Amino acid sequence: MAQTTEPFEEFTSVIRDLTEVAASISQAEDAKALAASEKRHEKLDGYIQEEQAYILKLRGLEQRRMRLAKSLGWENLTFRKILDVAEPGRKEALEPLFYALEQQLAMLEQSRKAAERMISVRVHEIESLLAQREGGSYDDAGNISLNSPAHAKLKDRYV
């Protein structure tokens, strides 16, 4: 019995770690969105590097989770299926962990979308500024065209 208890305890520990890393990535996404909204573009690179480190950690934890799930007989099972097949005591231990992870992943998705939207807005603003400087215009679809029409490049000067 001790042999299956140890992988189970390690499995629950990995689920807790996954939840913490997801929270850290969410915080990095929120920081990216804030930096973009405040036009503090110089901070973005640091947040992106931090986020990449968390993603590597997340991948390692996910591989460990899959290995442990296999050793527990839960290979290729979703969390809901694991709860269906787990012994009652284990199910009670896993339910709050899976719920916390699910909630954190939902928050991460919201943070990711917010950061993506804010960065897209800033990229559009930069493209607009570049288009104005270069005499660019908008095409029929409303996209910025850096290849401005010939008449936009005409200037008031004598030849």
Protein backbone atom coordinates (compact mmCIF):
# COMPACT_ATOMS: atom_id res chain seq x y z
CA MET A 1 0.00 0.00 0.00
CA ALA A 2 2.90 2.39 0.73
CA GLN A 3 3.97 2.05 -2.88
CA THR A 4 0.71 3.55 -4.21
CA THR A 5 0.44 6.12 -1.40
CA GLU A 6 3.74 7.73 -2.30
CA PRO A 7 2.86 8.30 -5.99
CA PHE A 8 -0.56 9.58 -4.92
CA GLU A 9 0.96 12.08 -2.49
CA GLU A 10 3.43 13.14 -5.16
CA PHE A 11 0.55 13.45 -7.63
CA THR A 12 -1.38 15.75 -5.29
CA SER A 13 1.79 17.78 -4.71
CA VAL A 14 2.23 18.19 -8.48
CA ILE A 15 -1.38 19.37 -8.81
CA ARG A 16 -0.72 22.00 -6.11
CA ASP A 17 2.47 23.06 -7.92
CA LEU A 18 0.62 23.30 -11.24
CA THR A 19 -1.93 25.57 -9.57
CA GLU A 20 0.81 27.81 -8.16
CA VAL A 21 2.64 28.05 -11.49
CA ALA A 22 -0.61 28.86 -13.29
CA ALA A 23 -1.16 31.66 -10.74
CA SER A 24 2.36 32.96 -11.37
CA ILE A 25 1.83 32.95 -15.13
CA SER A 26 -1.48 34.76 -14.60
CA GLN A 27 0.29 37.43 -12.54
CA ALA A 28 2.91 37.84 -15.28
CA GLU A 29 0.13 38.21 -17.87
CA ASP A 30 -1.58 40.84 -15.69
CA ALA A 31 1.73 42.69 -15.32
CA LYS A 32 2.22 42.58 -19.10
CA ALA A 33 -1.24 44.00 -19.67
CA LEU A 34 -0.63 46.76 -17.12
CA ALA A 35 2.74 47.64 -18.64
CA ALA A 36 1.19 47.79 -22.10
CA SER A 37 -1.73 49.91 -20.90
CA GLU A 38 0.68 52.34 -19.24
CA LYS A 39 2.84 52.40 -22.39
CA ARG A 40 5.77 50.99 -20.40
CA HIS A 41 6.94 48.83 -23.28
CA GLU A 42 10.44 48.53 -21.83
CA LYS A 43 9.01 46.29 -19.10
CA LEU A 44 7.39 43.81 -21.48
CA ASP A 45 10.59 41.91 -22.30
CA GLY A 46 11.23 41.15 -18.62
CA TYR A 47 7.68 39.91 -18.11
CA ILE A 48 7.88 37.77 -21.23
CA GLN A 49 11.14 36.18 -20.04
CA GLU A 50 9.63 35.53 -16.62
CA GLU A 51 6.60 33.99 -18.25
CA GLN A 52 8.77 31.74 -20.44
CA ALA A 53 10.54 30.41 -17.33
CA TYR A 54 7.17 29.60 -15.75
CA ILE A 55 6.01 27.87 -18.92
CA LEU A 56 9.10 25.65 -18.88
CA LYS A 57 8.37 24.79 -15.25
CA LEU A 58 4.75 24.10 -16.18
CA ARG A 59 5.83 21.68 -18.92
CA GLY A 60 8.09 19.82 -16.51
CA LEU A 61 5.29 19.54 -13.95
CA GLU A 62 2.86 18.34 -16.60
CA GLN A 63 5.27 15.59 -17.68
CA ARG A 64 5.66 14.57 -14.04
CA ARG A 65 1.89 14.60 -13.56
CA MET A 66 1.43 12.34 -16.59
CA ARG A 67 4.09 9.90 -15.35
CA LEU A 68 2.47 9.76 -11.91
CA ALA A 69 -1.02 9.37 -13.37
CA LYS A 70 0.25 6.40 -15.37
CA SER A 71 1.76 4.81 -12.26
CA LEU A 72 -1.59 5.26 -10.49
CA GLY A 73 -3.52 3.66 -13.37
CA TRP A 74 -4.96 7.00 -14.53
CA GLU A 75 -3.12 7.28 -17.84
CA ASN A 76 -4.98 9.40 -20.42
CA LEU A 77 -7.82 10.16 -17.98
CA THR A 78 -9.25 13.64 -17.54
CA PHE A 79 -9.56 15.02 -14.03
CA ARG A 80 -13.29 14.28 -14.07
CA LYS A 81 -12.65 10.67 -15.08
CA ILE A 82 -9.99 10.35 -12.36
CA LEU A 83 -12.59 11.47 -9.82
CA ASP A 84 -15.00 8.86 -11.20
CA VAL A 85 -12.53 5.99 -10.76
CA ALA A 86 -10.64 7.13 -7.63
CA GLU A 87 -11.22 5.50 -4.27
CA PRO A 88 -13.49 7.61 -2.00
CA GLY A 89 -10.65 8.87 0.24
CA ARG A 90 -8.56 9.88 -2.75
CA LYS A 91 -11.54 11.46 -4.46
CA GLU A 92 -12.09 13.66 -1.39
CA ALA A 93 -8.44 14.73 -1.48
CA LEU A 94 -8.43 15.38 -5.23
CA GLU A 95 -11.71 17.27 -5.65
CA PRO A 96 -10.59 20.55 -4.03
CA LEU A 97 -7.19 20.36 -5.77
CA PHE A 98 -8.75 19.85 -9.19
CA TYR A 99 -11.27 22.62 -8.51
CA ALA A 100 -8.52 25.06 -7.46
CA LEU A 101 -6.49 24.20 -10.56
CA GLU A 102 -9.53 24.58 -12.80
CA GLN A 103 -10.31 28.00 -11.28
CA GLN A 104 -6.70 29.15 -11.63
CA LEU A 105 -6.56 28.03 -15.25
CA ALA A 106 -9.75 29.97 -15.97
CA MET A 107 -8.19 33.08 -14.39
CA LEU A 108 -5.04 32.51 -16.44
CA GLU A 109 -7.09 32.39 -19.63
CA GLN A 110 -8.78 35.69 -18.72
CA SER A 111 -5.42 37.30 -17.94
CA ARG A 112 -3.93 35.99 -21.18
CA LYS A 113 -6.80 37.39 -23.24
CA ALA A 114 -6.60 40.78 -21.49
CA ALA A 115 -2.85 41.02 -22.08
CA GLU A 116 -3.28 39.95 -25.70
CA ARG A 117 -5.95 42.61 -26.28
CA MET A 118 -3.90 45.36 -24.65
CA ILE A 119 -0.77 44.46 -26.59
CA SER A 120 -2.79 44.33 -29.82
CA VAL A 121 -4.09 47.84 -29.10
CA ARG A 122 -0.53 49.10 -28.53
CA VAL A 123 0.73 47.42 -31.70
CA HIS A 124 -2.09 49.05 -33.64
CA GLU A 125 -1.19 52.44 -32.15
CA ILE A 126 2.45 51.98 -33.13
CA GLU A 127 1.46 50.90 -36.64
CA SER A 128 -0.76 53.97 -36.92
CA LEU A 129 2.07 56.26 -35.85
CA LEU A 130 4.41 54.64 -38.35
CA ALA A 131 1.83 54.94 -41.10
CA GLN A 132 1.36 58.64 -40.33
CA ARG A 133 5.11 59.26 -40.38
CA GLU A 134 5.53 57.37 -43.62
CA GLY A 135 2.44 58.84 -45.21
CA GLY A 136 0.59 55.55 -44.99
CA SER A 137 -3.12 55.12 -45.28
CA TYR A 138 -5.84 52.60 -44.59
CA ASP A 139 -6.98 50.04 -47.15
CA ASP A 140 -10.62 49.22 -47.92
CA ALA A 141 -10.73 46.72 -45.02
CA GLY A 142 -9.57 49.33 -42.50
CA ASN A 143 -6.08 47.92 -42.14
CA ILE A 144 -3.06 50.16 -42.11
CA SER A 145 -1.20 50.18 -45.39
CA LEU A 146 2.40 51.30 -45.10
CA ASN A 147 2.53 51.39 -48.87
CA SER A 148 0.83 54.72 -49.15
CA PRO A 149 -0.70 55.93 -52.36
CA ALA A 150 1.59 57.98 -54.59
CA HIS A 151 -0.33 61.22 -53.99
CA ALA A 152 0.31 60.96 -50.23
CA LYS A 153 4.03 61.18 -50.83
CA LEU A 154 3.81 64.40 -52.78
CA LYS A 155 5.18 67.38 -50.97
CA ASP A 156 4.99 71.10 -51.48
CA ARG A 157 8.30 71.78 -53.05
CA TYR A 158 9.54 73.13 -56.29
CA VAL A 159 11.37 70.84 -58.62
